[in-house]
Amino acid sequence: QVQLVESGGGLVQPGGSLRLSCVVSGFTANRYVINWYRWSPGKERERVATIGVPGSGTYYPDSVKGRFTISRDDAKNTVYLQMNDLKPEDTAVYFCHAPSMNSYGQGTQVTVSS
């Protein structure tokens, strides 16, 4: 059964850091593209990071480039999103997505506030 389970969200002050995890089950993560998205009320869903198969690189939009890093631990079949220098506008529900599996996780809330 294909499943994506996110964790690691929480409340953090502006300038702080969080690392989100997306534990993958039912398929081998490094054989497929994995995206991180975020969504907050009143805004469109935004793709904030993508990791492809080994050697294919990563993608970040300008809004997070230089602050967010996506990575993968093949031994743990887990994809991470390291978020640094967080800003209030980063507040959202973050969820991972495997387009080839048409599967989304349940999301994890990130709140950036002083």
N, C-alpha and C. Protein backbone atom coordinates (compact mmCIF):
# COMPACT_ATOMS: atom_id res chain seq x y z
N GLN A 1 0.85 -1.19 0.00
CA GLN A 1 0.00 0.00 0.00
C GLN A 1 0.88 1.24 0.00
N VAL A 2 0.63 2.13 -0.95
CA VAL A 2 1.39 3.37 -1.05
C VAL A 2 0.96 4.32 0.07
N GLN A 3 1.94 4.85 0.78
CA GLN A 3 1.63 5.76 1.86
C GLN A 3 2.77 6.76 2.03
N LEU A 4 2.40 8.01 2.26
CA LEU A 4 3.35 9.07 2.58
C LEU A 4 2.94 9.67 3.91
N VAL A 5 3.85 9.73 4.86
CA VAL A 5 3.52 10.23 6.18
C VAL A 5 4.51 11.33 6.55
N GLU A 6 3.98 12.55 6.70
CA GLU A 6 4.81 13.69 7.06
C GLU A 6 4.86 13.89 8.56
N SER A 7 5.94 14.49 9.00
CA SER A 7 6.09 14.89 10.40
C SER A 7 7.13 15.98 10.49
N GLY A 8 7.23 16.59 11.67
CA GLY A 8 8.28 17.58 11.90
C GLY A 8 7.81 19.01 11.93
N GLY A 9 6.54 19.25 11.67
CA GLY A 9 6.04 20.61 11.73
C GLY A 9 5.95 21.11 13.15
N GLY A 10 5.60 22.37 13.28
CA GLY A 10 5.46 22.97 14.60
C GLY A 10 5.47 24.47 14.54
N LEU A 11 5.62 25.06 15.72
CA LEU A 11 5.68 26.51 15.86
C LEU A 11 7.14 26.93 16.00
N VAL A 12 7.55 27.88 15.21
CA VAL A 12 8.94 28.35 15.26
C VAL A 12 8.95 29.86 15.08
N GLN A 13 9.93 30.51 15.68
CA GLN A 13 10.05 31.95 15.55
C GLN A 13 10.67 32.31 14.19
N PRO A 14 10.39 33.51 13.70
CA PRO A 14 11.04 33.95 12.46
C PRO A 14 12.56 33.83 12.57
N GLY A 15 13.17 33.34 11.51
CA GLY A 15 14.60 33.09 11.50
C GLY A 15 14.98 31.70 11.94
N GLY A 16 14.02 30.96 12.47
CA GLY A 16 14.30 29.62 12.95
C GLY A 16 14.32 28.58 11.85
N SER A 17 14.50 27.32 12.27
CA SER A 17 14.61 26.21 11.32
C SER A 17 13.71 25.05 11.75
N LEU A 18 13.31 24.29 10.78
CA LEU A 18 12.59 23.04 10.99
C LEU A 18 13.03 22.06 9.92
N ARG A 19 12.97 20.77 10.27
CA ARG A 19 13.18 19.74 9.27
C ARG A 19 11.95 18.86 9.21
N LEU A 20 11.34 18.83 8.05
CA LEU A 20 10.18 17.98 7.83
C LEU A 20 10.63 16.63 7.26
N SER A 21 9.90 15.60 7.63
CA SER A 21 10.18 14.26 7.12
C SER A 21 8.96 13.72 6.39
N CYS A 22 9.20 12.97 5.35
CA CYS A 22 8.14 12.28 4.60
C CYS A 22 8.57 10.83 4.48
N VAL A 23 7.98 9.98 5.31
CA VAL A 23 8.31 8.56 5.27
C VAL A 23 7.47 7.89 4.20
N VAL A 24 8.15 7.23 3.29
CA VAL A 24 7.49 6.60 2.14
C VAL A 24 7.37 5.10 2.38
N SER A 25 6.22 4.55 2.07
CA SER A 25 6.04 3.11 2.11
C SER A 25 5.25 2.68 0.88
N GLY A 26 5.48 1.45 0.45
CA GLY A 26 4.77 0.92 -0.69
C GLY A 26 5.50 1.09 -2.01
N PHE A 27 6.56 1.89 -2.03
CA PHE A 27 7.39 2.03 -3.21
C PHE A 27 8.75 2.58 -2.79
N THR A 28 9.72 2.48 -3.68
CA THR A 28 11.07 2.95 -3.39
C THR A 28 11.20 4.40 -3.81
N ALA A 29 11.42 5.26 -2.82
CA ALA A 29 11.37 6.71 -3.06
C ALA A 29 12.38 7.17 -4.10
N ASN A 30 13.57 6.58 -4.13
CA ASN A 30 14.59 7.10 -5.04
C ASN A 30 14.37 6.70 -6.50
N ARG A 31 13.30 6.02 -6.78
CA ARG A 31 12.99 5.68 -8.17
C ARG A 31 11.92 6.59 -8.77
N TYR A 32 11.45 7.56 -7.96
CA TYR A 32 10.36 8.43 -8.40
C TYR A 32 10.61 9.87 -7.96
N VAL A 33 9.97 10.78 -8.67
CA VAL A 33 9.96 12.19 -8.25
C VAL A 33 9.11 12.33 -7.00
N ILE A 34 9.63 13.09 -6.06
CA ILE A 34 8.88 13.43 -4.84
C ILE A 34 8.86 14.95 -4.72
N ASN A 35 7.69 15.51 -4.49
CA ASN A 35 7.52 16.95 -4.30
C ASN A 35 7.13 17.26 -2.86
N TRP A 36 7.53 18.43 -2.41
CA TRP A 36 6.95 19.05 -1.22
C TRP A 36 6.10 20.22 -1.71
N TYR A 37 4.86 20.29 -1.20
CA TYR A 37 3.96 21.39 -1.47
C TYR A 37 3.60 22.05 -0.14
N ARG A 38 3.06 23.26 -0.25
CA ARG A 38 2.47 23.90 0.92
C ARG A 38 1.18 24.59 0.51
N TRP A 39 0.30 24.71 1.48
CA TRP A 39 -0.98 25.36 1.24
C TRP A 39 -1.40 26.08 2.51
N SER A 40 -1.90 27.28 2.34
CA SER A 40 -2.48 28.03 3.45
C SER A 40 -3.76 28.68 2.95
N PRO A 41 -4.71 28.94 3.85
CA PRO A 41 -6.00 29.51 3.46
C PRO A 41 -5.82 30.82 2.70
N GLY A 42 -6.54 30.95 1.62
CA GLY A 42 -6.48 32.17 0.84
C GLY A 42 -5.37 32.22 -0.18
N LYS A 43 -4.52 31.20 -0.20
CA LYS A 43 -3.42 31.14 -1.15
C LYS A 43 -3.51 29.87 -1.99
N GLU A 44 -2.90 29.93 -3.15
CA GLU A 44 -2.85 28.73 -3.98
C GLU A 44 -1.80 27.76 -3.43
N ARG A 45 -2.02 26.49 -3.72
CA ARG A 45 -1.02 25.50 -3.37
C ARG A 45 0.28 25.83 -4.11
N GLU A 46 1.39 25.71 -3.40
CA GLU A 46 2.69 26.06 -3.99
C GLU A 46 3.66 24.90 -3.84
N ARG A 47 4.27 24.53 -4.94
CA ARG A 47 5.32 23.52 -4.89
C ARG A 47 6.59 24.20 -4.40
N VAL A 48 7.18 23.69 -3.33
CA VAL A 48 8.34 24.35 -2.75
C VAL A 48 9.63 23.57 -2.95
N ALA A 49 9.56 22.31 -3.34
CA ALA A 49 10.77 21.56 -3.60
C ALA A 49 10.44 20.27 -4.33
N THR A 50 11.37 19.85 -5.16
CA THR A 50 11.24 18.58 -5.89
C THR A 50 12.58 17.88 -5.92
N ILE A 51 12.55 16.58 -5.71
CA ILE A 51 13.75 15.77 -5.88
C ILE A 51 13.42 14.64 -6.84
N GLY A 52 14.30 14.44 -7.79
CA GLY A 52 14.09 13.39 -8.78
C GLY A 52 14.90 12.15 -8.46
N VAL A 53 15.00 11.30 -9.44
CA VAL A 53 15.83 10.11 -9.29
C VAL A 53 17.29 10.57 -9.18
N PRO A 54 18.17 9.73 -8.63
CA PRO A 54 19.57 10.13 -8.47
C PRO A 54 20.17 10.66 -9.77
N GLY A 55 20.80 11.84 -9.64
CA GLY A 55 21.43 12.46 -10.80
C GLY A 55 20.57 13.44 -11.54
N SER A 56 19.30 13.55 -11.18
CA SER A 56 18.40 14.43 -11.92
C SER A 56 18.23 15.79 -11.28
N GLY A 57 18.77 15.97 -10.09
CA GLY A 57 18.76 17.29 -9.49
C GLY A 57 17.53 17.59 -8.67
N THR A 58 17.45 18.86 -8.26
CA THR A 58 16.36 19.33 -7.42
C THR A 58 15.80 20.63 -8.00
N TYR A 59 14.63 21.01 -7.48
CA TYR A 59 13.97 22.24 -7.92
C TYR A 59 13.47 23.00 -6.71
N TYR A 60 13.62 24.31 -6.75
CA TYR A 60 13.05 25.20 -5.74
C TYR A 60 12.53 26.45 -6.44
N PRO A 61 11.39 26.97 -6.01
CA PRO A 61 10.96 28.26 -6.54
C PRO A 61 11.76 29.38 -5.88
N ASP A 62 11.70 30.55 -6.44
CA ASP A 62 12.45 31.68 -5.89
C ASP A 62 12.06 32.01 -4.46
N SER A 63 10.82 31.72 -4.11
CA SER A 63 10.33 32.08 -2.77
C SER A 63 11.07 31.35 -1.65
N VAL A 64 11.68 30.21 -1.95
CA VAL A 64 12.37 29.43 -0.90
C VAL A 64 13.82 29.12 -1.26
N LYS A 65 14.23 29.46 -2.47
CA LYS A 65 15.58 29.12 -2.92
C LYS A 65 16.62 29.71 -1.98
N GLY A 66 17.58 28.89 -1.58
CA GLY A 66 18.61 29.34 -0.66
C GLY A 66 18.25 29.14 0.80
N ARG A 67 16.98 28.86 1.08
CA ARG A 67 16.53 28.64 2.47
C ARG A 67 16.07 27.21 2.71
N PHE A 68 15.49 26.58 1.70
CA PHE A 68 14.96 25.22 1.83
C PHE A 68 15.86 24.25 1.07
N THR A 69 16.01 23.05 1.62
CA THR A 69 16.79 22.01 0.96
C THR A 69 16.04 20.69 1.05
N ILE A 70 15.83 20.06 -0.08
CA ILE A 70 15.20 18.75 -0.11
C ILE A 70 16.30 17.69 -0.22
N SER A 71 16.11 16.60 0.50
CA SER A 71 17.09 15.52 0.46
C SER A 71 16.38 14.19 0.67
N ARG A 72 17.14 13.13 0.50
CA ARG A 72 16.53 11.80 0.60
C ARG A 72 17.50 10.86 1.29
N ASP A 73 16.97 10.03 2.18
CA ASP A 73 17.75 8.97 2.83
C ASP A 73 17.22 7.66 2.28
N ASP A 74 17.99 7.05 1.39
CA ASP A 74 17.52 5.84 0.74
C ASP A 74 17.36 4.68 1.71
N ALA A 75 18.23 4.62 2.71
CA ALA A 75 18.14 3.53 3.68
C ALA A 75 16.85 3.60 4.48
N LYS A 76 16.37 4.81 4.71
CA LYS A 76 15.14 4.99 5.48
C LYS A 76 13.92 5.21 4.58
N ASN A 77 14.14 5.25 3.25
CA ASN A 77 13.05 5.51 2.30
C ASN A 77 12.26 6.75 2.72
N THR A 78 13.00 7.79 3.04
CA THR A 78 12.43 9.02 3.60
C THR A 78 12.97 10.22 2.84
N VAL A 79 12.10 11.18 2.61
CA VAL A 79 12.48 12.45 1.98
C VAL A 79 12.33 13.55 3.02
N TYR A 80 13.31 14.43 3.07
CA TYR A 80 13.33 15.50 4.06
C TYR A 80 13.21 16.86 3.38
N LEU A 81 12.71 17.82 4.15
CA LEU A 81 12.73 19.22 3.73
C LEU A 81 13.31 20.02 4.89
N GLN A 82 14.55 20.44 4.72
CA GLN A 82 15.20 21.31 5.70
C GLN A 82 14.83 22.75 5.38
N MET A 83 14.26 23.43 6.35
CA MET A 83 13.79 24.80 6.16
C MET A 83 14.53 25.71 7.12
N ASN A 84 15.29 26.64 6.60
CA ASN A 84 16.06 27.58 7.41
C ASN A 84 15.56 29.00 7.18
N ASP A 85 15.92 29.88 8.09
CA ASP A 85 15.55 31.29 7.99
C ASP A 85 14.06 31.44 7.69
N LEU A 86 13.26 30.76 8.47
CA LEU A 86 11.83 30.76 8.22
C LEU A 86 11.22 32.14 8.44
N LYS A 87 10.19 32.41 7.63
CA LYS A 87 9.50 33.70 7.66
C LYS A 87 8.02 33.47 7.93
N PRO A 88 7.33 34.48 8.43
CA PRO A 88 5.89 34.30 8.68
C PRO A 88 5.13 33.83 7.44
N GLU A 89 5.55 34.26 6.28
CA GLU A 89 4.85 33.85 5.06
C GLU A 89 5.09 32.39 4.69
N ASP A 90 5.97 31.71 5.41
CA ASP A 90 6.16 30.27 5.22
C ASP A 90 5.11 29.45 5.97
N THR A 91 4.31 30.12 6.79
CA THR A 91 3.26 29.43 7.53
C THR A 91 2.30 28.75 6.57
N ALA A 92 2.10 27.45 6.75
CA ALA A 92 1.26 26.67 5.85
C ALA A 92 1.22 25.23 6.32
N VAL A 93 0.35 24.46 5.70
CA VAL A 93 0.41 23.01 5.83
C VAL A 93 1.32 22.50 4.72
N TYR A 94 2.30 21.72 5.12
CA TYR A 94 3.26 21.17 4.16
C TYR A 94 2.96 19.68 3.96
N PHE A 95 2.95 19.26 2.72
CA PHE A 95 2.71 17.86 2.46
C PHE A 95 3.57 17.38 1.29
N CYS A 96 3.88 16.12 1.32
CA CYS A 96 4.68 15.54 0.25
C CYS A 96 3.77 14.82 -0.74
N HIS A 97 4.31 14.67 -1.93
CA HIS A 97 3.50 14.21 -3.05
C HIS A 97 4.35 13.37 -3.98
N ALA A 98 3.82 12.23 -4.37
CA ALA A 98 4.47 11.37 -5.35
C ALA A 98 3.58 11.32 -6.58
N PRO A 99 3.87 12.12 -7.59
CA PRO A 99 2.96 12.21 -8.73
C PRO A 99 2.76 10.90 -9.47
N SER A 100 3.78 10.10 -9.58
CA SER A 100 3.62 8.84 -10.30
C SER A 100 2.72 7.86 -9.57
N MET A 101 2.62 8.04 -8.25
CA MET A 101 1.76 7.19 -7.43
C MET A 101 0.42 7.84 -7.15
N ASN A 102 0.26 9.10 -7.64
CA ASN A 102 -0.97 9.86 -7.38
C ASN A 102 -1.29 9.84 -5.90
N SER A 103 -0.26 10.10 -5.10
CA SER A 103 -0.42 9.96 -3.65
C SER A 103 0.10 11.19 -2.93
N TYR A 104 -0.68 11.65 -1.95
CA TYR A 104 -0.31 12.76 -1.08
C TYR A 104 -0.29 12.28 0.36
N GLY A 105 0.54 12.92 1.17
CA GLY A 105 0.47 12.69 2.60
C GLY A 105 -0.63 13.52 3.22
N GLN A 106 -0.76 13.40 4.55
CA GLN A 106 -1.84 14.10 5.25
C GLN A 106 -1.44 15.54 5.61
N GLY A 107 -0.15 15.83 5.54
CA GLY A 107 0.33 17.18 5.81
C GLY A 107 0.78 17.37 7.24
N THR A 108 1.64 18.37 7.41
CA THR A 108 2.11 18.77 8.73
C THR A 108 2.11 20.28 8.79
N GLN A 109 1.59 20.83 9.89
CA GLN A 109 1.43 22.28 10.01
C GLN A 109 2.75 22.94 10.42
N VAL A 110 3.10 23.98 9.71
CA VAL A 110 4.25 24.81 10.08
C VAL A 110 3.73 26.22 10.34
N THR A 111 4.03 26.73 11.52
CA THR A 111 3.62 28.08 11.89
C THR A 111 4.85 28.87 12.29
N VAL A 112 5.05 29.99 11.62
CA VAL A 112 6.19 30.85 11.91
C VAL A 112 5.66 32.14 12.50
N SER A 113 5.93 32.33 13.77
CA SER A 113 5.37 33.48 14.47
C SER A 113 6.20 33.79 15.70
N SER A 114 6.24 35.07 16.04
CA SER A 114 6.93 35.46 17.27
C SER A 114 5.94 35.57 18.41
